[in-house]
Amino acid sequence: MKLDIKKVKIFVTIPPDRTDEVRKAVCNAGAGVIGNYNYCTTSTKCLGTFIPNEKANPYIGESNKLEFVQEDKLEFICDIENVKNVIEKLKEAHPYEEPAIDIVPLIDLQEFDTL
């Protein structure tokens, strides 16, 4: 079966005080559109962990020390043609040196009509 992927869902974790800034950046870049609705996002509270090495320049935490931080996980849909632009705008607005970004392909419901 060959799938025609037209949309993806993007997930990123962010310090809660910067969630709105990142949300605005990605939505202004064209993400978060579902039918006749714009700025469609979901955010949930989560706990992130990491250890920055000696070469890192962490926004939060210290080198070689395990950090536990409260974060928001922001998720939104994006047209596949716009992913690179949206990720660029996300990184410009995101405070982390290396934001954790997940991109998951979405299967359109019509794809199941051919099964």
PDB file of N, CA and C in Angstrom:
ATOM      1  N   MET A   1       0.845  -1.171   0.000  1.00  0.00           N
ATOM      2  CA  MET A   1       0.000   0.000   0.000  1.00  0.00           C
ATOM      3  C   MET A   1       0.899   1.246   0.000  1.00  0.00           C
ATOM      4  N   LYS A   2       0.618   2.166  -0.892  1.00  0.00           N
ATOM      5  CA  LYS A   2       1.342   3.436  -0.950  1.00  0.00           C
ATOM      6  C   LYS A   2       0.422   4.531  -0.421  1.00  0.00           C
ATOM      7  N   LEU A   3       0.882   5.234   0.589  1.00  0.00           N
ATOM      8  CA  LEU A   3       0.080   6.291   1.192  1.00  0.00           C
ATOM      9  C   LEU A   3       0.521   7.655   0.671  1.00  0.00           C
ATOM     10  N   ASP A   4      -0.432   8.523   0.476  1.00  0.00           N
ATOM     11  CA  ASP A   4      -0.160   9.896   0.061  1.00  0.00           C
ATOM     12  C   ASP A   4      -0.259  10.782   1.305  1.00  0.00           C
ATOM     13  N   ILE A   5       0.869  11.050   1.935  1.00  0.00           N
ATOM     14  CA  ILE A   5       0.899  11.836   3.175  1.00  0.00           C
ATOM     15  C   ILE A   5       0.837  13.322   2.825  1.00  0.00           C
ATOM     16  N   LYS A   6      -0.197  13.997   3.330  1.00  0.00           N
ATOM     17  CA  LYS A   6      -0.383  15.419   3.053  1.00  0.00           C
ATOM     18  C   LYS A   6      -0.185  16.296   4.285  1.00  0.00           C
ATOM     19  N   LYS A   7      -0.306  15.687   5.447  1.00  0.00           N
ATOM     20  CA  LYS A   7      -0.191  16.435   6.704  1.00  0.00           C
ATOM     21  C   LYS A   7       0.652  15.659   7.697  1.00  0.00           C
ATOM     22  N   VAL A   8       1.233  16.399   8.621  1.00  0.00           N
ATOM     23  CA  VAL A   8       1.967  15.801   9.728  1.00  0.00           C
ATOM     24  C   VAL A   8       1.475  16.426  11.027  1.00  0.00           C
ATOM     25  N   LYS A   9       1.766  15.753  12.117  1.00  0.00           N
ATOM     26  CA  LYS A   9       1.545  16.347  13.430  1.00  0.00           C
ATOM     27  C   LYS A   9       2.914  16.583  14.024  1.00  0.00           C
ATOM     28  N   ILE A  10       3.124  17.783  14.532  1.00  0.00           N
ATOM     29  CA  ILE A  10       4.405  18.164  15.120  1.00  0.00           C
ATOM     30  C   ILE A  10       4.210  18.331  16.623  1.00  0.00           C
ATOM     31  N   PHE A  11       5.142  17.753  17.380  1.00  0.00           N
ATOM     32  CA  PHE A  11       5.154  17.852  18.841  1.00  0.00           C
ATOM     33  C   PHE A  11       6.454  18.520  19.255  1.00  0.00           C
ATOM     34  N   VAL A  12       6.389  19.418  20.221  1.00  0.00           N
ATOM     35  CA  VAL A  12       7.608  20.038  20.751  1.00  0.00           C
ATOM     36  C   VAL A  12       7.379  20.363  22.226  1.00  0.00           C
ATOM     37  N   THR A  13       8.415  20.210  23.033  1.00  0.00           N
ATOM     38  CA  THR A  13       8.328  20.585  24.448  1.00  0.00           C
ATOM     39  C   THR A  13       8.967  21.958  24.633  1.00  0.00           C
ATOM     40  N   ILE A  14       8.350  22.744  25.532  1.00  0.00           N
ATOM     41  CA  ILE A  14       8.716  24.153  25.694  1.00  0.00           C
ATOM     42  C   ILE A  14       8.568  24.539  27.170  1.00  0.00           C
ATOM     43  N   PRO A  15       9.412  25.446  27.668  1.00  0.00           N
ATOM     44  CA  PRO A  15       9.150  25.986  29.001  1.00  0.00           C
ATOM     45  C   PRO A  15       7.783  26.703  28.978  1.00  0.00           C
ATOM     46  N   PRO A  16       6.963  26.509  30.002  1.00  0.00           N
ATOM     47  CA  PRO A  16       5.611  27.077  29.987  1.00  0.00           C
ATOM     48  C   PRO A  16       5.548  28.587  29.718  1.00  0.00           C
ATOM     49  N   ASP A  17       6.554  29.323  30.146  1.00  0.00           N
ATOM     50  CA  ASP A  17       6.515  30.774  29.942  1.00  0.00           C
ATOM     51  C   ASP A  17       6.777  31.173  28.482  1.00  0.00           C
ATOM     52  N   ARG A  18       7.124  30.210  27.621  1.00  0.00           N
ATOM     53  CA  ARG A  18       7.393  30.507  26.210  1.00  0.00           C
ATOM     54  C   ARG A  18       6.426  29.806  25.249  1.00  0.00           C
ATOM     55  N   THR A  19       5.462  29.077  25.795  1.00  0.00           N
ATOM     56  CA  THR A  19       4.528  28.322  24.955  1.00  0.00           C
ATOM     57  C   THR A  19       3.742  29.228  24.017  1.00  0.00           C
ATOM     58  N   ASP A  20       3.192  30.319  24.532  1.00  0.00           N
ATOM     59  CA  ASP A  20       2.394  31.206  23.683  1.00  0.00           C
ATOM     60  C   ASP A  20       3.217  31.799  22.548  1.00  0.00           C
ATOM     61  N   GLU A  21       4.466  32.134  22.822  1.00  0.00           N
ATOM     62  CA  GLU A  21       5.342  32.694  21.794  1.00  0.00           C
ATOM     63  C   GLU A  21       5.591  31.686  20.668  1.00  0.00           C
ATOM     64  N   VAL A  22       5.853  30.434  21.035  1.00  0.00           N
ATOM     65  CA  VAL A  22       6.089  29.403  20.028  1.00  0.00           C
ATOM     66  C   VAL A  22       4.795  29.095  19.278  1.00  0.00           C
ATOM     67  N   ARG A  23       3.673  29.029  19.998  1.00  0.00           N
ATOM     68  CA  ARG A  23       2.374  28.790  19.362  1.00  0.00           C
ATOM     69  C   ARG A  23       2.106  29.849  18.294  1.00  0.00           C
ATOM     70  N   LYS A  24       2.305  31.114  18.644  1.00  0.00           N
ATOM     71  CA  LYS A  24       2.076  32.196  17.680  1.00  0.00           C
ATOM     72  C   LYS A  24       2.999  32.068  16.481  1.00  0.00           C
ATOM     73  N   ALA A  25       4.248  31.723  16.714  1.00  0.00           N
ATOM     74  CA  ALA A  25       5.227  31.607  15.619  1.00  0.00           C
ATOM     75  C   ALA A  25       4.816  30.528  14.621  1.00  0.00           C
ATOM     76  N   VAL A  26       4.439  29.352  15.111  1.00  0.00           N
ATOM     77  CA  VAL A  26       4.109  28.260  14.188  1.00  0.00           C
ATOM     78  C   VAL A  26       2.766  28.502  13.499  1.00  0.00           C
ATOM     79  N   CYS A  27       1.811  29.049  14.228  1.00  0.00           N
ATOM     80  CA  CYS A  27       0.504  29.311  13.621  1.00  0.00           C
ATOM     81  C   CYS A  27       0.581  30.464  12.620  1.00  0.00           C
ATOM     82  N   ASN A  28       1.350  31.483  12.922  1.00  0.00           N
ATOM     83  CA  ASN A  28       1.538  32.577  11.963  1.00  0.00           C
ATOM     84  C   ASN A  28       2.275  32.104  10.711  1.00  0.00           C
ATOM     85  N   ALA A  29       3.024  31.008  10.838  1.00  0.00           N
ATOM     86  CA  ALA A  29       3.736  30.422   9.696  1.00  0.00           C
ATOM     87  C   ALA A  29       2.845  29.465   8.902  1.00  0.00           C
ATOM     88  N   GLY A  30       1.607  29.267   9.345  1.00  0.00           N
ATOM     89  CA  GLY A  30       0.661  28.448   8.591  1.00  0.00           C
ATOM     90  C   GLY A  30       0.313  27.108   9.191  1.00  0.00           C
ATOM     91  N   ALA A  31       0.867  26.759  10.333  1.00  0.00           N
ATOM     92  CA  ALA A  31       0.509  25.503  10.992  1.00  0.00           C
ATOM     93  C   ALA A  31      -0.781  25.695  11.791  1.00  0.00           C
ATOM     94  N   GLY A  32      -1.354  24.583  12.247  1.00  0.00           N
ATOM     95  CA  GLY A  32      -2.530  24.653  13.096  1.00  0.00           C
ATOM     96  C   GLY A  32      -3.827  24.915  12.357  1.00  0.00           C
ATOM     97  N   VAL A  33      -3.884  24.572  11.072  1.00  0.00           N
ATOM     98  CA  VAL A  33      -5.113  24.766  10.293  1.00  0.00           C
ATOM     99  C   VAL A  33      -5.833  23.430  10.163  1.00  0.00           C
ATOM    100  N   ILE A  34      -7.076  23.409  10.613  1.00  0.00           N
ATOM    101  CA  ILE A  34      -7.941  22.236  10.463  1.00  0.00           C
ATOM    102  C   ILE A  34      -9.240  22.730   9.838  1.00  0.00           C
ATOM    103  N   GLY A  35      -9.425  22.425   8.564  1.00  0.00           N
ATOM    104  CA  GLY A  35     -10.628  22.873   7.858  1.00  0.00           C
ATOM    105  C   GLY A  35     -10.753  24.385   7.888  1.00  0.00           C
ATOM    106  N   ASN A  36     -11.833  24.876   8.442  1.00  0.00           N
ATOM    107  CA  ASN A  36     -12.117  26.307   8.515  1.00  0.00           C
ATOM    108  C   ASN A  36     -11.611  26.952   9.803  1.00  0.00           C
ATOM    109  N   TYR A  37     -10.743  26.265  10.532  1.00  0.00           N
ATOM    110  CA  TYR A  37     -10.241  26.766  11.811  1.00  0.00           C
ATOM    111  C   TYR A  37      -8.738  26.980  11.748  1.00  0.00           C
ATOM    112  N   ASN A  38      -8.274  28.076  12.318  1.00  0.00           N
ATOM    113  CA  ASN A  38      -6.846  28.393  12.421  1.00  0.00           C
ATOM    114  C   ASN A  38      -6.424  28.361  13.888  1.00  0.00           C
ATOM    115  N   TYR A  39      -5.131  28.351  14.134  1.00  0.00           N
ATOM    116  CA  TYR A  39      -4.554  28.358  15.487  1.00  0.00           C
ATOM    117  C   TYR A  39      -5.006  27.145  16.302  1.00  0.00           C
ATOM    118  N   CYS A  40      -5.194  26.017  15.633  1.00  0.00           N
ATOM    119  CA  CYS A  40      -5.592  24.787  16.323  1.00  0.00           C
ATOM    120  C   CYS A  40      -4.352  24.117  16.899  1.00  0.00           C
ATOM    121  N   THR A  41      -4.224  24.131  18.204  1.00  0.00           N
ATOM    122  CA  THR A  41      -3.110  23.486  18.897  1.00  0.00           C
ATOM    123  C   THR A  41      -3.627  22.845  20.173  1.00  0.00           C
ATOM    124  N   THR A  42      -2.818  21.978  20.728  1.00  0.00           N
ATOM    125  CA  THR A  42      -3.091  21.405  22.037  1.00  0.00           C
ATOM    126  C   THR A  42      -1.806  21.490  22.832  1.00  0.00           C
ATOM    127  N   SER A  43      -1.930  21.840  24.109  1.00  0.00           N
ATOM    128  CA  SER A  43      -0.751  21.803  24.970  1.00  0.00           C
ATOM    129  C   SER A  43      -1.092  21.056  26.251  1.00  0.00           C
ATOM    130  N   THR A  44      -0.143  20.251  26.691  1.00  0.00           N
ATOM    131  CA  THR A  44      -0.295  19.501  27.927  1.00  0.00           C
ATOM    132  C   THR A  44       0.952  19.696  28.778  1.00  0.00           C
ATOM    133  N   LYS A  45       0.782  19.591  30.060  1.00  0.00           N
ATOM    134  CA  LYS A  45       1.902  19.709  30.999  1.00  0.00           C
ATOM    135  C   LYS A  45       2.680  18.395  31.025  1.00  0.00           C
ATOM    136  N   CYS A  46       3.984  18.481  31.103  1.00  0.00           N
ATOM    137  CA  CYS A  46       4.805  17.280  31.172  1.00  0.00           C
ATOM    138  C   CYS A  46       6.076  17.578  31.965  1.00  0.00           C
ATOM    139  N   LEU A  47       6.817  16.535  32.264  1.00  0.00           N
ATOM    140  CA  LEU A  47       8.085  16.655  32.976  1.00  0.00           C
ATOM    141  C   LEU A  47       9.193  16.204  32.043  1.00  0.00           C
ATOM    142  N   GLY A  48      10.123  17.092  31.760  1.00  0.00           N
ATOM    143  CA  GLY A  48      11.248  16.768  30.892  1.00  0.00           C
ATOM    144  C   GLY A  48      12.501  16.522  31.709  1.00  0.00           C
ATOM    145  N   THR A  49      13.380  15.676  31.178  1.00  0.00           N
ATOM    146  CA  THR A  49      14.670  15.425  31.823  1.00  0.00           C
ATOM    147  C   THR A  49      15.775  15.522  30.784  1.00  0.00           C
ATOM    148  N   PHE A  50      16.948  15.934  31.222  1.00  0.00           N
ATOM    149  CA  PHE A  50      18.110  16.008  30.332  1.00  0.00           C
ATOM    150  C   PHE A  50      19.363  16.257  31.153  1.00  0.00           C
ATOM    151  N   ILE A  51      20.500  15.937  30.551  1.00  0.00           N
ATOM    152  CA  ILE A  51      21.808  16.258  31.128  1.00  0.00           C
ATOM    153  C   ILE A  51      22.607  16.990  30.049  1.00  0.00           C
ATOM    154  N   PRO A  52      22.840  18.288  30.208  1.00  0.00           N
ATOM    155  CA  PRO A  52      23.672  18.999  29.232  1.00  0.00           C
ATOM    156  C   PRO A  52      25.133  18.585  29.407  1.00  0.00           C
ATOM    157  N   ASN A  53      25.828  18.347  28.281  1.00  0.00           N
ATOM    158  CA  ASN A  53      27.246  18.038  28.420  1.00  0.00           C
ATOM    159  C   ASN A  53      28.052  19.338  28.517  1.00  0.00           C
ATOM    160  N   GLU A  54      29.364  19.214  28.595  1.00  0.00           N
ATOM    161  CA  GLU A  54      30.205  20.403  28.807  1.00  0.00           C
ATOM    162  C   GLU A  54      30.220  21.352  27.609  1.00  0.00           C
ATOM    163  N   LYS A  55      29.793  20.891  26.432  1.00  0.00           N
ATOM    164  CA  LYS A  55      29.747  21.754  25.247  1.00  0.00           C
ATOM    165  C   LYS A  55      28.407  22.483  25.108  1.00  0.00           C
ATOM    166  N   ALA A  56      27.429  22.098  25.914  1.00  0.00           N
ATOM    167  CA  ALA A  56      26.080  22.662  25.812  1.00  0.00           C
ATOM    168  C   ALA A  56      26.015  24.063  26.421  1.00  0.00           C
ATOM    169  N   ASN A  57      25.039  24.812  25.952  1.00  0.00           N
ATOM    170  CA  ASN A  57      24.731  26.137  26.493  1.00  0.00           C
ATOM    171  C   ASN A  57      23.254  26.123  26.882  1.00  0.00           C
ATOM    172  N   PRO A  58      22.912  25.452  27.990  1.00  0.00           N
ATOM    173  CA  PRO A  58      21.497  25.224  28.306  1.00  0.00           C
ATOM    174  C   PRO A  58      20.754  26.493  28.726  1.00  0.00           C
ATOM    175  N   TYR A  59      19.507  26.578  28.279  1.00  0.00           N
ATOM    176  CA  TYR A  59      18.589  27.643  28.689  1.00  0.00           C
ATOM    177  C   TYR A  59      18.235  27.462  30.163  1.00  0.00           C
ATOM    178  N   ILE A  60      18.123  26.202  30.567  1.00  0.00           N
ATOM    179  CA  ILE A  60      17.816  25.824  31.949  1.00  0.00           C
ATOM    180  C   ILE A  60      18.846  24.776  32.362  1.00  0.00           C
ATOM    181  N   GLY A  61      19.355  24.857  33.568  1.00  0.00           N
ATOM    182  CA  GLY A  61      20.208  23.801  34.091  1.00  0.00           C
ATOM    183  C   GLY A  61      21.695  24.065  33.974  1.00  0.00           C
ATOM    184  N   GLU A  62      22.455  23.067  34.400  1.00  0.00           N
ATOM    185  CA  GLU A  62      23.914  23.147  34.436  1.00  0.00           C
ATOM    186  C   GLU A  62      24.517  21.947  33.727  1.00  0.00           C
ATOM    187  N   SER A  63      25.709  22.122  33.185  1.00  0.00           N
ATOM    188  CA  SER A  63      26.407  21.037  32.509  1.00  0.00           C
ATOM    189  C   SER A  63      26.632  19.851  33.443  1.00  0.00           C
ATOM    190  N   ASN A  64      26.479  18.665  32.889  1.00  0.00           N
ATOM    191  CA  ASN A  64      26.728  17.396  33.578  1.00  0.00           C
ATOM    192  C   ASN A  64      25.872  17.170  34.819  1.00  0.00           C
ATOM    193  N   LYS A  65      24.708  17.813  34.868  1.00  0.00           N
ATOM    194  CA  LYS A  65      23.790  17.631  35.996  1.00  0.00           C
ATOM    195  C   LYS A  65      22.408  17.263  35.456  1.00  0.00           C
ATOM    196  N   LEU A  66      21.832  16.183  35.983  1.00  0.00           N
ATOM    197  CA  LEU A  66      20.502  15.766  35.575  1.00  0.00           C
ATOM    198  C   LEU A  66      19.483  16.817  35.992  1.00  0.00           C
ATOM    199  N   GLU A  67      18.698  17.259  35.031  1.00  0.00           N
ATOM    200  CA  GLU A  67      17.679  18.281  35.278  1.00  0.00           C
ATOM    201  C   GLU A  67      16.292  17.683  35.082  1.00  0.00           C
ATOM    202  N   PHE A  68      15.369  18.081  35.934  1.00  0.00           N
ATOM    203  CA  PHE A  68      13.949  17.762  35.816  1.00  0.00           C
ATOM    204  C   PHE A  68      13.234  19.093  35.677  1.00  0.00           C
ATOM    205  N   VAL A  69      12.532  19.294  34.557  1.00  0.00           N
ATOM    206  CA  VAL A  69      11.887  20.595  34.328  1.00  0.00           C
ATOM    207  C   VAL A  69      10.438  20.418  33.906  1.00  0.00           C
ATOM    208  N   GLN A  70       9.605  21.287  34.441  1.00  0.00           N
ATOM    209  CA  GLN A  70       8.216  21.340  34.004  1.00  0.00           C
ATOM    210  C   GLN A  70       8.188  21.961  32.614  1.00  0.00           C
ATOM    211  N   GLU A  71       7.485  21.308  31.696  1.00  0.00           N
ATOM    212  CA  GLU A  71       7.391  21.799  30.329  1.00  0.00           C
ATOM    213  C   GLU A  71       5.954  21.669  29.837  1.00  0.00           C
ATOM    214  N   ASP A  72       5.680  22.351  28.740  1.00  0.00           N
ATOM    215  CA  ASP A  72       4.451  22.140  27.992  1.00  0.00           C
ATOM    216  C   ASP A  72       4.814  21.360  26.745  1.00  0.00           C
ATOM    217  N   LYS A  73       3.978  20.402  26.373  1.00  0.00           N
ATOM    218  CA  LYS A  73       4.125  19.740  25.085  1.00  0.00           C
ATOM    219  C   LYS A  73       3.078  20.362  24.169  1.00  0.00           C
ATOM    220  N   LEU A  74       3.549  21.047  23.142  1.00  0.00           N
ATOM    221  CA  LEU A  74       2.674  21.695  22.176  1.00  0.00           C
ATOM    222  C   LEU A  74       2.580  20.791  20.956  1.00  0.00           C
ATOM    223  N   GLU A  75       1.362  20.574  20.467  1.00  0.00           N
ATOM    224  CA  GLU A  75       1.180  19.769  19.271  1.00  0.00           C
ATOM    225  C   GLU A  75       0.226  20.460  18.316  1.00  0.00           C
ATOM    226  N   PHE A  76       0.485  20.267  17.018  1.00  0.00           N
ATOM    227  CA  PHE A  76      -0.313  20.929  15.993  1.00  0.00           C
ATOM    228  C   PHE A  76      -0.126  20.213  14.664  1.00  0.00           C
ATOM    229  N   ILE A  77      -1.067  20.415  13.772  1.00  0.00           N
ATOM    230  CA  ILE A  77      -1.026  19.832  12.435  1.00  0.00           C
ATOM    231  C   ILE A  77      -0.378  20.821  11.480  1.00  0.00           C
ATOM    232  N   CYS A  78       0.282  20.264  10.455  1.00  0.00           N
ATOM    233  CA  CYS A  78       0.958  21.108   9.476  1.00  0.00           C
ATOM    234  C   CYS A  78       0.897  20.428   8.106  1.00  0.00           C
ATOM    235  N   ASP A  79       0.629  21.207   7.057  1.00  0.00           N
ATOM    236  CA  ASP A  79       0.722  20.672   5.697  1.00  0.00           C
ATOM    237  C   ASP A  79       2.164  20.284   5.423  1.00  0.00           C
ATOM    238  N   ILE A  80       2.353  19.171   4.760  1.00  0.00           N
ATOM    239  CA  ILE A  80       3.699  18.653   4.542  1.00  0.00           C
ATOM    240  C   ILE A  80       4.569  19.629   3.754  1.00  0.00           C
ATOM    241  N   GLU A  81       3.965  20.396   2.843  1.00  0.00           N
ATOM    242  CA  GLU A  81       4.737  21.358   2.052  1.00  0.00           C
ATOM    243  C   GLU A  81       5.276  22.513   2.889  1.00  0.00           C
ATOM    244  N   ASN A  82       4.714  22.700   4.073  1.00  0.00           N
ATOM    245  CA  ASN A  82       5.074  23.845   4.914  1.00  0.00           C
ATOM    246  C   ASN A  82       5.926  23.462   6.124  1.00  0.00           C
ATOM    247  N   VAL A  83       6.288  22.196   6.259  1.00  0.00           N
ATOM    248  CA  VAL A  83       6.986  21.719   7.458  1.00  0.00           C
ATOM    249  C   VAL A  83       8.305  22.454   7.685  1.00  0.00           C
ATOM    250  N   LYS A  84       9.141  22.559   6.663  1.00  0.00           N
ATOM    251  CA  LYS A  84      10.452  23.194   6.856  1.00  0.00           C
ATOM    252  C   LYS A  84      10.307  24.642   7.308  1.00  0.00           C
ATOM    253  N   ASN A  85       9.389  25.384   6.725  1.00  0.00           N
ATOM    254  CA  ASN A  85       9.155  26.773   7.124  1.00  0.00           C
ATOM    255  C   ASN A  85       8.672  26.856   8.569  1.00  0.00           C
ATOM    256  N   VAL A  86       7.722  26.006   8.934  1.00  0.00           N
ATOM    257  CA  VAL A  86       7.179  26.012  10.298  1.00  0.00           C
ATOM    258  C   VAL A  86       8.261  25.649  11.308  1.00  0.00           C
ATOM    259  N   ILE A  87       9.079  24.649  11.016  1.00  0.00           N
ATOM    260  CA  ILE A  87      10.155  24.260  11.934  1.00  0.00           C
ATOM    261  C   ILE A  87      11.166  25.392  12.076  1.00  0.00           C
ATOM    262  N   GLU A  88      11.457  26.082  11.000  1.00  0.00           N
ATOM    263  CA  GLU A  88      12.375  27.226  11.065  1.00  0.00           C
ATOM    264  C   GLU A  88      11.828  28.297  12.011  1.00  0.00           C
ATOM    265  N   LYS A  89      10.541  28.618  11.880  1.00  0.00           N
ATOM    266  CA  LYS A  89       9.924  29.630  12.745  1.00  0.00           C
ATOM    267  C   LYS A  89       9.842  29.136  14.187  1.00  0.00           C
ATOM    268  N   LEU A  90       9.579  27.852  14.367  1.00  0.00           N
ATOM    269  CA  LEU A  90       9.546  27.262  15.705  1.00  0.00           C
ATOM    270  C   LEU A  90      10.898  27.445  16.390  1.00  0.00           C
ATOM    271  N   LYS A  91      11.970  27.106  15.675  1.00  0.00           N
ATOM    272  CA  LYS A  91      13.310  27.211  16.263  1.00  0.00           C
ATOM    273  C   LYS A  91      13.690  28.656  16.565  1.00  0.00           C
ATOM    274  N   GLU A  92      13.242  29.592  15.747  1.00  0.00           N
ATOM    275  CA  GLU A  92      13.526  31.006  16.009  1.00  0.00           C
ATOM    276  C   GLU A  92      12.861  31.473  17.307  1.00  0.00           C
ATOM    277  N   ALA A  93      11.669  30.952  17.598  1.00  0.00           N
ATOM    278  CA  ALA A  93      10.918  31.377  18.787  1.00  0.00           C
ATOM    279  C   ALA A  93      11.246  30.556  20.026  1.00  0.00           C
ATOM    280  N   HIS A  94      11.817  29.386  19.851  1.00  0.00           N
ATOM    281  CA  HIS A  94      12.055  28.448  20.957  1.00  0.00           C
ATOM    282  C   HIS A  94      13.340  28.826  21.696  1.00  0.00           C
ATOM    283  N   PRO A  95      13.316  28.824  23.032  1.00  0.00           N
ATOM    284  CA  PRO A  95      14.515  29.220  23.781  1.00  0.00           C
ATOM    285  C   PRO A  95      15.596  28.142  23.895  1.00  0.00           C
ATOM    286  N   TYR A  96      15.239  26.874  23.673  1.00  0.00           N
ATOM    287  CA  TYR A  96      16.223  25.807  23.860  1.00  0.00           C
ATOM    288  C   TYR A  96      17.227  25.774  22.712  1.00  0.00           C
ATOM    289  N   GLU A  97      18.443  25.433  23.069  1.00  0.00           N
ATOM    290  CA  GLU A  97      19.518  25.248  22.094  1.00  0.00           C
ATOM    291  C   GLU A  97      19.199  24.084  21.145  1.00  0.00           C
ATOM    292  N   GLU A  98      18.627  23.016  21.683  1.00  0.00           N
ATOM    293  CA  GLU A  98      18.280  21.815  20.906  1.00  0.00           C
ATOM    294  C   GLU A  98      16.856  21.387  21.268  1.00  0.00           C
ATOM    295  N   PRO A  99      15.825  22.041  20.712  1.00  0.00           N
ATOM    296  CA  PRO A  99      14.459  21.630  21.066  1.00  0.00           C
ATOM    297  C   PRO A  99      14.151  20.213  20.571  1.00  0.00           C
ATOM    298  N   ALA A 100      13.412  19.481  21.378  1.00  0.00           N
ATOM    299  CA  ALA A 100      12.974  18.130  20.995  1.00  0.00           C
ATOM    300  C   ALA A 100      11.727  18.277  20.131  1.00  0.00           C
ATOM    301  N   ILE A 101      11.858  17.934  18.849  1.00  0.00           N
ATOM    302  CA  ILE A 101      10.767  18.085  17.885  1.00  0.00           C
ATOM    303  C   ILE A 101      10.469  16.721  17.285  1.00  0.00           C
ATOM    304  N   ASP A 102       9.209  16.303  17.373  1.00  0.00           N
ATOM    305  CA  ASP A 102       8.761  15.055  16.751  1.00  0.00           C
ATOM    306  C   ASP A 102       7.830  15.412  15.593  1.00  0.00           C
ATOM    307  N   ILE A 103       8.022  14.751  14.463  1.00  0.00           N
ATOM    308  CA  ILE A 103       7.170  14.956  13.297  1.00  0.00           C
ATOM    309  C   ILE A 103       6.593  13.594  12.924  1.00  0.00           C
ATOM    310  N   VAL A 104       5.270  13.492  12.978  1.00  0.00           N
ATOM    311  CA  VAL A 104       4.584  12.224  12.746  1.00  0.00           C
ATOM    312  C   VAL A 104       3.676  12.365  11.518  1.00  0.00           C
ATOM    313  N   PRO A 105       3.846  11.497  10.509  1.00  0.00           N
ATOM    314  CA  PRO A 105       2.973  11.572   9.342  1.00  0.00           C
ATOM    315  C   PRO A 105       1.543  11.184   9.716  1.00  0.00           C
ATOM    316  N   LEU A 106       0.584  11.863   9.113  1.00  0.00           N
ATOM    317  CA  LEU A 106      -0.829  11.579   9.359  1.00  0.00           C
ATOM    318  C   LEU A 106      -1.444  10.934   8.122  1.00  0.00           C
ATOM    319  N   ILE A 107      -2.275   9.957   8.351  1.00  0.00           N
ATOM    320  CA  ILE A 107      -2.970   9.277   7.259  1.00  0.00           C
ATOM    321  C   ILE A 107      -4.360   9.881   7.145  1.00  0.00           C
ATOM    322  N   ASP A 108      -4.689  10.379   5.967  1.00  0.00           N
ATOM    323  CA  ASP A 108      -6.004  10.951   5.706  1.00  0.00           C
ATOM    324  C   ASP A 108      -7.046   9.830   5.727  1.00  0.00           C
ATOM    325  N   LEU A 109      -8.208  10.097   6.257  1.00  0.00           N
ATOM    326  CA  LEU A 109      -9.266   9.098   6.361  1.00  0.00           C
ATOM    327  C   LEU A 109      -9.613   8.501   5.000  1.00  0.00           C
ATOM    328  N   GLN A 110      -9.505   9.278   3.937  1.00  0.00           N
ATOM    329  CA  GLN A 110      -9.822   8.783   2.587  1.00  0.00           C
ATOM    330  C   GLN A 110      -8.878   7.673   2.140  1.00  0.00           C
ATOM    331  N   GLU A 111      -7.677   7.619   2.693  1.00  0.00           N
ATOM    332  CA  GLU A 111      -6.731   6.552   2.346  1.00  0.00           C
ATOM    333  C   GLU A 111      -7.285   5.168   2.696  1.00  0.00           C
ATOM    334  N   PHE A 112      -8.178   5.102   3.659  1.00  0.00           N
ATOM    335  CA  PHE A 112      -8.742   3.820   4.072  1.00  0.00           C
ATOM    336  C   PHE A 112      -9.835   3.342   3.132  1.00  0.00           C
ATOM    337  N   ASP A 113     -10.320   4.213   2.238  1.00  0.00           N
ATOM    338  CA  ASP A 113     -11.327   3.828   1.258  1.00  0.00           C
ATOM    339  C   ASP A 113     -10.774   2.836   0.243  1.00  0.00           C
ATOM    340  N   THR A 114      -9.451   2.843   0.057  1.00  0.00           N
ATOM    341  CA  THR A 114      -8.837   1.969  -0.932  1.00  0.00           C
ATOM    342  C   THR A 114      -8.470   0.605  -0.371  1.00  0.00           C
ATOM    343  N   LEU A 115      -8.684   0.387   0.898  1.00  0.00           N
ATOM    344  CA  LEU A 115      -8.322  -0.900   1.510  1.00  0.00           C
ATOM    345  C   LEU A 115      -9.399  -1.946   1.285  1.00  0.00           C
TER     346      LEU A 115
END
